Amino acid sequence: MNEIENVISLRAVGKTFISGETPIHILEDIDFDIQSGQSIAVTGKSGSGKSTLLNIVGTLDRPTTGSVYFQGQDTSTLTDRELSQFRNTNIGFIFQSHLLLDDFNALENVCIPALIKGMRAQQARRRAVELLVRVGLEDRLSHSPLKLSGGERQRIAICRALMNNPPIIIADEPTGSLDEESSQQVADILFELVEEEHKAMLLVTHDRQTAQRCASMYLLQNRSLQRLK
C-alpha cells in the first residue's frame, strides 16, 4: 500500500438530472482524488454543482456515470442500507446549518453517531467530552442548542463529525451562516482538529480566504474541476 492512500477517488463521474424530457448535465467526466491527511477546497458560483459534487463524494447521491471509490472499494456495490452504515462510520459531515437536535443537549448531540454505530454509552461519553473540551465548550455540555450561539453550535457540529474518528470530513459552507469573528474562530478550530487527527477534508466554500487555507483548491466551472492551487 502506498504511504499516502486515496481515501476517496472519483473516476469519470458525471451527474445528469432530467427536467421534463430535457437532460441537465451538472457534472461531466470528473476524476478526483482525496488523500489521507489532505485538505481540499472546492469553490464556484452558485448553481455550478458544488453541492451535487459534495453529495456524490459523501455517497448521499449516486453518480449517473462513473464510480466513487472509498479506499479502493467501489461504493456502487453497496445497498442504500449499507451506504448509511458506511457513512456513519467513515464520513463526518458538517453543514452550513448545524442540524443539531434541539431535544438533546450538546453532549448528547455529539454522542449520537457513536451510539448509532454501537459504541457503549460510557465510551461514547468520554470521547464526546474530550472533543467538546478541545473546542472550548467544557462549560456547555448540558446546554440545549437553542441556548447556544451560532459559533458554539458549529463547534458542536465539528465534534459530532469527528466522533466516530472517520477518515474524511466533508464540510459544506461550515462558516457560511456566521459573523466574521465567529467564522474565523470556527475555521481555526476545524483546521486545527482536522490536522491533529490527520483527517482528509473536502471543504465547499464561497469564502476565498478559508479556501486558501487548504492544501489544494479547485474551481468547479462548466461541469468540470479546474485546479487553482
C-alpha atoms as a PDB file:
ATOM      1  CA  MET A   1       0.000   0.000   0.000  1.00  0.00           C
ATOM      2  CA  ASN A   2       1.232   3.492  -0.798  1.00  0.00           C
ATOM      3  CA  GLU A   3       2.335   5.590   2.144  1.00  0.00           C
ATOM      4  CA  ILE A   4      -0.258   8.155   1.123  1.00  0.00           C
ATOM      5  CA  GLU A   5      -3.508   6.424   0.195  1.00  0.00           C
ATOM      6  CA  ASN A   6      -6.528   7.802  -1.585  1.00  0.00           C
ATOM      7  CA  VAL A   7      -9.424   7.980   0.838  1.00  0.00           C
ATOM      8  CA  ILE A   8     -11.872   8.949  -1.910  1.00  0.00           C
ATOM      9  CA  SER A   9     -11.411   8.570  -5.672  1.00  0.00           C
ATOM     10  CA  LEU A  10     -13.832   9.695  -8.371  1.00  0.00           C
ATOM     11  CA  ARG A  11     -13.394   8.156 -11.803  1.00  0.00           C
ATOM     12  CA  ALA A  12     -15.191   9.564 -14.882  1.00  0.00           C
ATOM     13  CA  VAL A  13     -18.029  10.776 -12.662  1.00  0.00           C
ATOM     14  CA  GLY A  14     -20.952  12.534 -14.256  1.00  0.00           C
ATOM     15  CA  LYS A  15     -24.346  13.628 -12.991  1.00  0.00           C
ATOM     16  CA  THR A  16     -27.403  14.376 -15.089  1.00  0.00           C
ATOM     17  CA  PHE A  17     -30.862  15.412 -13.936  1.00  0.00           C
ATOM     18  CA  ILE A  18     -33.974  15.219 -16.085  1.00  0.00           C
ATOM     19  CA  SER A  19     -36.283  18.245 -16.190  1.00  0.00           C
ATOM     20  CA  GLY A  20     -39.387  17.173 -18.062  1.00  0.00           C
ATOM     21  CA  GLU A  21     -37.815  15.479 -21.058  1.00  0.00           C
ATOM     22  CA  THR A  22     -34.692  17.650 -21.029  1.00  0.00           C
ATOM     23  CA  PRO A  23     -31.422  16.299 -19.574  1.00  0.00           C
ATOM     24  CA  ILE A  24     -29.480  18.802 -17.478  1.00  0.00           C
ATOM     25  CA  HIS A  25     -25.803  17.916 -17.196  1.00  0.00           C
ATOM     26  CA  ILE A  26     -24.366  19.078 -13.862  1.00  0.00           C
ATOM     27  CA  LEU A  27     -21.047  17.211 -13.745  1.00  0.00           C
ATOM     28  CA  GLU A  28     -19.101  15.562 -16.564  1.00  0.00           C
ATOM     29  CA  ASP A  29     -16.163  13.155 -16.593  1.00  0.00           C
ATOM     30  CA  ILE A  30     -14.657  14.160 -13.243  1.00  0.00           C
ATOM     31  CA  ASP A  31     -11.539  12.403 -11.977  1.00  0.00           C
ATOM     32  CA  PHE A  32     -10.618  13.443  -8.464  1.00  0.00           C
ATOM     33  CA  ASP A  33      -8.635  12.046  -5.533  1.00  0.00           C
ATOM     34  CA  ILE A  34      -8.622  12.994  -1.857  1.00  0.00           C
ATOM     35  CA  GLN A  35      -5.643  11.587   0.002  1.00  0.00           C
ATOM     36  CA  SER A  36      -5.272  10.763   3.669  1.00  0.00           C
ATOM     37  CA  GLY A  37      -4.490  13.895   5.670  1.00  0.00           C
ATOM     38  CA  GLN A  38      -5.125  16.197   2.699  1.00  0.00           C
ATOM     39  CA  SER A  39      -7.433  19.226   2.799  1.00  0.00           C
ATOM     40  CA  ILE A  40      -9.117  20.260  -0.452  1.00  0.00           C
ATOM     41  CA  ALA A  41     -11.362  23.249  -1.098  1.00  0.00           C
ATOM     42  CA  VAL A  42     -13.896  23.459  -3.916  1.00  0.00           C
ATOM     43  CA  THR A  43     -15.215  26.878  -4.895  1.00  0.00           C
ATOM     44  CA  GLY A  44     -17.531  28.030  -7.650  1.00  0.00           C
ATOM     45  CA  LYS A  45     -20.580  30.117  -8.409  1.00  0.00           C
ATOM     46  CA  SER A  46     -23.990  29.251  -7.016  1.00  0.00           C
ATOM     47  CA  GLY A  47     -25.555  26.599  -9.208  1.00  0.00           C
ATOM     48  CA  SER A  48     -22.223  25.336 -10.507  1.00  0.00           C
ATOM     49  CA  GLY A  49     -22.761  21.895  -8.968  1.00  0.00           C
ATOM     50  CA  LYS A  50     -20.718  22.123  -5.776  1.00  0.00           C
ATOM     51  CA  SER A  51     -23.403  20.592  -3.567  1.00  0.00           C
ATOM     52  CA  THR A  52     -24.024  17.869  -6.146  1.00  0.00           C
ATOM     53  CA  LEU A  53     -20.323  17.019  -6.150  1.00  0.00           C
ATOM     54  CA  LEU A  54     -20.239  17.001  -2.355  1.00  0.00           C
ATOM     55  CA  ASN A  55     -23.263  14.711  -2.167  1.00  0.00           C
ATOM     56  CA  ILE A  56     -21.644  12.268  -4.583  1.00  0.00           C
ATOM     57  CA  VAL A  57     -18.321  12.267  -2.733  1.00  0.00           C
ATOM     58  CA  GLY A  58     -20.220  11.750   0.526  1.00  0.00           C
ATOM     59  CA  THR A  59     -22.303   8.926  -1.009  1.00  0.00           C
ATOM     60  CA  LEU A  60     -25.504  10.851  -0.268  1.00  0.00           C
ATOM     61  CA  ASP A  61     -26.217  10.666  -4.003  1.00  0.00           C
ATOM     62  CA  ARG A  62     -25.097   8.279  -6.726  1.00  0.00           C
ATOM     63  CA  PRO A  63     -23.443   9.462  -9.952  1.00  0.00           C
ATOM     64  CA  THR A  64     -25.204   8.964 -13.276  1.00  0.00           C
ATOM     65  CA  THR A  65     -21.941   7.763 -14.815  1.00  0.00           C
ATOM     66  CA  GLY A  66     -18.571   6.770 -13.390  1.00  0.00           C
ATOM     67  CA  SER A  67     -17.593   5.389 -10.000  1.00  0.00           C
ATOM     68  CA  VAL A  68     -16.769   6.543  -6.478  1.00  0.00           C
ATOM     69  CA  TYR A  69     -14.163   4.531  -4.588  1.00  0.00           C
ATOM     70  CA  PHE A  70     -13.504   4.628  -0.854  1.00  0.00           C
ATOM     71  CA  GLN A  71     -10.031   3.299  -0.033  1.00  0.00           C
ATOM     72  CA  GLY A  72     -10.247   1.215  -3.192  1.00  0.00           C
ATOM     73  CA  GLN A  73     -13.795  -0.095  -2.659  1.00  0.00           C
ATOM     74  CA  ASP A  74     -16.400   0.713  -5.305  1.00  0.00           C
ATOM     75  CA  THR A  75     -19.264   2.226  -3.310  1.00  0.00           C
ATOM     76  CA  SER A  76     -21.758   1.438  -6.084  1.00  0.00           C
ATOM     77  CA  THR A  77     -21.732  -2.177  -4.855  1.00  0.00           C
ATOM     78  CA  LEU A  78     -23.296  -1.129  -1.536  1.00  0.00           C
ATOM     79  CA  THR A  79     -27.028  -1.131  -0.889  1.00  0.00           C
ATOM     80  CA  ASP A  80     -28.702   2.002   0.479  1.00  0.00           C
ATOM     81  CA  ARG A  81     -28.721   0.469   3.964  1.00  0.00           C
ATOM     82  CA  GLU A  82     -25.033  -0.452   3.704  1.00  0.00           C
ATOM     83  CA  LEU A  83     -24.245   3.052   2.485  1.00  0.00           C
ATOM     84  CA  SER A  84     -25.998   4.535   5.521  1.00  0.00           C
ATOM     85  CA  GLN A  85     -23.844   2.427   7.839  1.00  0.00           C
ATOM     86  CA  PHE A  86     -20.778   3.238   5.754  1.00  0.00           C
ATOM     87  CA  ARG A  87     -21.344   6.997   6.053  1.00  0.00           C
ATOM     88  CA  ASN A  88     -21.866   6.833   9.803  1.00  0.00           C
ATOM     89  CA  THR A  89     -18.534   5.079  10.262  1.00  0.00           C
ATOM     90  CA  ASN A  90     -16.350   6.621   7.567  1.00  0.00           C
ATOM     91  CA  ILE A  91     -17.530  10.174   6.809  1.00  0.00           C
ATOM     92  CA  GLY A  92     -18.047  13.137   9.106  1.00  0.00           C
ATOM     93  CA  PHE A  93     -20.408  15.790   7.750  1.00  0.00           C
ATOM     94  CA  ILE A  94     -20.539  19.472   8.695  1.00  0.00           C
ATOM     95  CA  PHE A  95     -23.209  21.630   7.055  1.00  0.00           C
ATOM     96  CA  GLN A  96     -23.904  25.365   6.964  1.00  0.00           C
ATOM     97  CA  SER A  97     -26.909  24.692   9.163  1.00  0.00           C
ATOM     98  CA  HIS A  98     -25.620  22.775  12.167  1.00  0.00           C
ATOM     99  CA  LEU A  99     -28.514  20.258  12.079  1.00  0.00           C
ATOM    100  CA  LEU A 100     -28.283  19.630  15.817  1.00  0.00           C
ATOM    101  CA  LEU A 101     -31.266  18.102  17.604  1.00  0.00           C
ATOM    102  CA  ASP A 102     -32.883  20.671  19.902  1.00  0.00           C
ATOM    103  CA  ASP A 103     -34.292  17.989  22.224  1.00  0.00           C
ATOM    104  CA  PHE A 104     -30.766  16.859  23.119  1.00  0.00           C
ATOM    105  CA  ASN A 105     -28.006  18.781  24.868  1.00  0.00           C
ATOM    106  CA  ALA A 106     -24.551  19.427  23.416  1.00  0.00           C
ATOM    107  CA  LEU A 107     -23.002  16.256  24.836  1.00  0.00           C
ATOM    108  CA  GLU A 108     -25.882  14.066  23.682  1.00  0.00           C
ATOM    109  CA  ASN A 109     -25.774  15.522  20.163  1.00  0.00           C
ATOM    110  CA  VAL A 110     -22.092  14.672  19.837  1.00  0.00           C
ATOM    111  CA  CYS A 111     -22.647  11.135  21.168  1.00  0.00           C
ATOM    112  CA  ILE A 112     -25.379  10.237  18.668  1.00  0.00           C
ATOM    113  CA  PRO A 113     -23.186   8.929  15.773  1.00  0.00           C
ATOM    114  CA  ALA A 114     -21.223   6.671  18.149  1.00  0.00           C
ATOM    115  CA  LEU A 115     -24.371   5.276  19.762  1.00  0.00           C
ATOM    116  CA  ILE A 116     -25.817   4.528  16.316  1.00  0.00           C
ATOM    117  CA  LYS A 117     -22.574   2.721  15.492  1.00  0.00           C
ATOM    118  CA  GLY A 118     -22.979   0.602  18.628  1.00  0.00           C
ATOM    119  CA  MET A 119     -20.371   2.142  20.923  1.00  0.00           C
ATOM    120  CA  ARG A 120     -21.010   1.719  24.640  1.00  0.00           C
ATOM    121  CA  ALA A 121     -22.576   4.823  26.207  1.00  0.00           C
ATOM    122  CA  GLN A 122     -19.747   5.354  28.699  1.00  0.00           C
ATOM    123  CA  GLN A 123     -17.106   5.162  25.979  1.00  0.00           C
ATOM    124  CA  ALA A 124     -19.097   7.484  23.723  1.00  0.00           C
ATOM    125  CA  ARG A 125     -19.462   9.998  26.533  1.00  0.00           C
ATOM    126  CA  ARG A 126     -15.696  10.017  27.183  1.00  0.00           C
ATOM    127  CA  ARG A 127     -14.937  10.648  23.521  1.00  0.00           C
ATOM    128  CA  ALA A 128     -17.597  13.373  23.253  1.00  0.00           C
ATOM    129  CA  VAL A 129     -16.382  15.183  26.374  1.00  0.00           C
ATOM    130  CA  GLU A 130     -12.801  15.057  25.084  1.00  0.00           C
ATOM    131  CA  LEU A 131     -13.834  16.667  21.804  1.00  0.00           C
ATOM    132  CA  LEU A 132     -16.017  19.325  23.398  1.00  0.00           C
ATOM    133  CA  VAL A 133     -13.221  20.279  25.784  1.00  0.00           C
ATOM    134  CA  ARG A 134     -10.850  20.620  22.824  1.00  0.00           C
ATOM    135  CA  VAL A 135     -13.170  23.154  21.177  1.00  0.00           C
ATOM    136  CA  GLY A 136     -13.611  25.139  24.391  1.00  0.00           C
ATOM    137  CA  LEU A 137     -17.142  24.032  25.279  1.00  0.00           C
ATOM    138  CA  GLU A 138     -16.475  22.198  28.537  1.00  0.00           C
ATOM    139  CA  ASP A 139     -18.966  24.505  30.296  1.00  0.00           C
ATOM    140  CA  ARG A 140     -21.689  23.922  27.667  1.00  0.00           C
ATOM    141  CA  LEU A 141     -22.073  20.134  27.881  1.00  0.00           C
ATOM    142  CA  SER A 142     -25.622  20.200  29.271  1.00  0.00           C
ATOM    143  CA  HIS A 143     -26.828  23.182  27.229  1.00  0.00           C
ATOM    144  CA  SER A 144     -29.541  22.852  24.594  1.00  0.00           C
ATOM    145  CA  PRO A 145     -28.516  24.085  21.119  1.00  0.00           C
ATOM    146  CA  LEU A 146     -31.304  26.658  21.477  1.00  0.00           C
ATOM    147  CA  LYS A 147     -29.301  28.348  24.256  1.00  0.00           C
ATOM    148  CA  LEU A 148     -26.026  28.493  22.316  1.00  0.00           C
ATOM    149  CA  SER A 149     -24.600  30.942  19.799  1.00  0.00           C
ATOM    150  CA  GLY A 150     -24.199  30.082  16.121  1.00  0.00           C
ATOM    151  CA  GLY A 151     -20.462  29.637  16.543  1.00  0.00           C
ATOM    152  CA  GLU A 152     -20.931  27.336  19.528  1.00  0.00           C
ATOM    153  CA  ARG A 153     -23.430  25.235  17.598  1.00  0.00           C
ATOM    154  CA  GLN A 154     -20.992  24.841  14.720  1.00  0.00           C
ATOM    155  CA  ARG A 155     -18.247  23.776  17.119  1.00  0.00           C
ATOM    156  CA  ILE A 156     -20.588  21.071  18.405  1.00  0.00           C
ATOM    157  CA  ALA A 157     -21.258  20.024  14.803  1.00  0.00           C
ATOM    158  CA  ILE A 158     -17.494  19.693  14.240  1.00  0.00           C
ATOM    159  CA  CYS A 159     -17.214  17.463  17.308  1.00  0.00           C
ATOM    160  CA  ARG A 160     -20.116  15.342  16.098  1.00  0.00           C
ATOM    161  CA  ALA A 161     -18.446  14.940  12.688  1.00  0.00           C
ATOM    162  CA  LEU A 162     -15.249  13.692  14.354  1.00  0.00           C
ATOM    163  CA  MET A 163     -16.994  11.466  16.897  1.00  0.00           C
ATOM    164  CA  ASN A 164     -16.543   8.148  15.083  1.00  0.00           C
ATOM    165  CA  ASN A 165     -12.979   9.001  14.031  1.00  0.00           C
ATOM    166  CA  PRO A 166     -13.806   8.914  10.291  1.00  0.00           C
ATOM    167  CA  PRO A 167     -11.017   9.084   7.675  1.00  0.00           C
ATOM    168  CA  ILE A 168     -12.645  12.054   5.936  1.00  0.00           C
ATOM    169  CA  ILE A 169     -14.575  15.190   6.882  1.00  0.00           C
ATOM    170  CA  ILE A 170     -16.922  16.786   4.352  1.00  0.00           C
ATOM    171  CA  ALA A 171     -17.765  20.391   5.169  1.00  0.00           C
ATOM    172  CA  ASP A 172     -20.373  22.327   3.189  1.00  0.00           C
ATOM    173  CA  GLU A 173     -20.091  26.074   3.856  1.00  0.00           C
ATOM    174  CA  PRO A 174     -19.398  25.416   7.572  1.00  0.00           C
ATOM    175  CA  THR A 175     -18.924  29.111   8.347  1.00  0.00           C
ATOM    176  CA  GLY A 176     -21.423  30.494   5.840  1.00  0.00           C
ATOM    177  CA  SER A 177     -24.087  31.488   8.380  1.00  0.00           C
ATOM    178  CA  LEU A 178     -21.723  33.068  10.928  1.00  0.00           C
ATOM    179  CA  ASP A 179     -20.489  36.595  11.504  1.00  0.00           C
ATOM    180  CA  GLU A 180     -16.872  37.369  10.637  1.00  0.00           C
ATOM    181  CA  GLU A 181     -15.451  36.827  14.127  1.00  0.00           C
ATOM    182  CA  SER A 182     -17.312  33.571  14.737  1.00  0.00           C
ATOM    183  CA  SER A 183     -16.468  32.406  11.218  1.00  0.00           C
ATOM    184  CA  GLN A 184     -12.756  32.851  11.893  1.00  0.00           C
ATOM    185  CA  GLN A 185     -12.952  31.033  15.221  1.00  0.00           C
ATOM    186  CA  VAL A 186     -14.850  28.073  13.764  1.00  0.00           C
ATOM    187  CA  ALA A 187     -12.488  27.842  10.779  1.00  0.00           C
ATOM    188  CA  ASP A 188      -9.466  27.870  13.109  1.00  0.00           C
ATOM    189  CA  ILE A 189     -10.942  25.051  15.223  1.00  0.00           C
ATOM    190  CA  LEU A 190     -11.911  23.000  12.176  1.00  0.00           C
ATOM    191  CA  PHE A 191      -8.476  23.168  10.570  1.00  0.00           C
ATOM    192  CA  GLU A 192      -6.688  22.511  13.868  1.00  0.00           C
ATOM    193  CA  LEU A 193      -8.733  19.410  14.681  1.00  0.00           C
ATOM    194  CA  VAL A 194      -8.549  18.022  11.134  1.00  0.00           C
ATOM    195  CA  GLU A 195      -4.760  18.402  11.208  1.00  0.00           C
ATOM    196  CA  GLU A 196      -4.383  16.999  14.735  1.00  0.00           C
ATOM    197  CA  GLU A 197      -6.460  13.922  13.901  1.00  0.00           C
ATOM    198  CA  HIS A 198      -4.889  13.569  10.433  1.00  0.00           C
ATOM    199  CA  LYS A 199      -8.176  13.627   8.553  1.00  0.00           C
ATOM    200  CA  ALA A 200      -8.773  14.168   4.885  1.00  0.00           C
ATOM    201  CA  MET A 201     -11.162  17.085   4.336  1.00  0.00           C
ATOM    202  CA  LEU A 202     -13.275  18.243   1.421  1.00  0.00           C
ATOM    203  CA  LEU A 203     -14.416  21.814   2.032  1.00  0.00           C
ATOM    204  CA  VAL A 204     -17.008  23.548  -0.138  1.00  0.00           C
ATOM    205  CA  THR A 205     -16.977  27.286   0.469  1.00  0.00           C
ATOM    206  CA  HIS A 206     -17.566  30.696  -1.112  1.00  0.00           C
ATOM    207  CA  ASP A 207     -15.014  32.178   1.288  1.00  0.00           C
ATOM    208  CA  ARG A 208     -11.773  32.551  -0.660  1.00  0.00           C
ATOM    209  CA  GLN A 209      -9.736  33.186   2.498  1.00  0.00           C
ATOM    210  CA  THR A 210     -10.924  29.948   4.096  1.00  0.00           C
ATOM    211  CA  ALA A 211     -10.381  28.032   0.844  1.00  0.00           C
ATOM    212  CA  GLN A 212      -6.785  29.269   0.659  1.00  0.00           C
ATOM    213  CA  ARG A 213      -6.029  27.524   3.948  1.00  0.00           C
ATOM    214  CA  CYS A 214      -6.480  24.136   2.278  1.00  0.00           C
ATOM    215  CA  ALA A 215      -3.528  22.321   0.710  1.00  0.00           C
ATOM    216  CA  SER A 216      -5.309  22.228  -2.658  1.00  0.00           C
ATOM    217  CA  MET A 217      -8.058  24.350  -4.182  1.00  0.00           C
ATOM    218  CA  TYR A 218     -10.325  23.690  -7.162  1.00  0.00           C
ATOM    219  CA  LEU A 219     -12.853  25.732  -9.110  1.00  0.00           C
ATOM    220  CA  LEU A 220     -15.992  23.936 -10.277  1.00  0.00           C
ATOM    221  CA  GLN A 221     -16.986  25.534 -13.559  1.00  0.00           C
ATOM    222  CA  ASN A 222     -18.609  24.326 -16.775  1.00  0.00           C
ATOM    223  CA  ARG A 223     -19.327  20.927 -15.182  1.00  0.00           C
ATOM    224  CA  SER A 224     -15.647  20.189 -14.517  1.00  0.00           C
ATOM    225  CA  LEU A 225     -12.954  20.855 -11.912  1.00  0.00           C
ATOM    226  CA  GLN A 226     -10.086  23.228 -12.550  1.00  0.00           C
ATOM    227  CA  ARG A 227      -7.162  23.156 -10.130  1.00  0.00           C
ATOM    228  CA  LEU A 228      -6.239  26.590  -8.781  1.00  0.00           C
ATOM    229  CA  LYS A 229      -3.679  25.589  -6.170  1.00  0.00           C
END
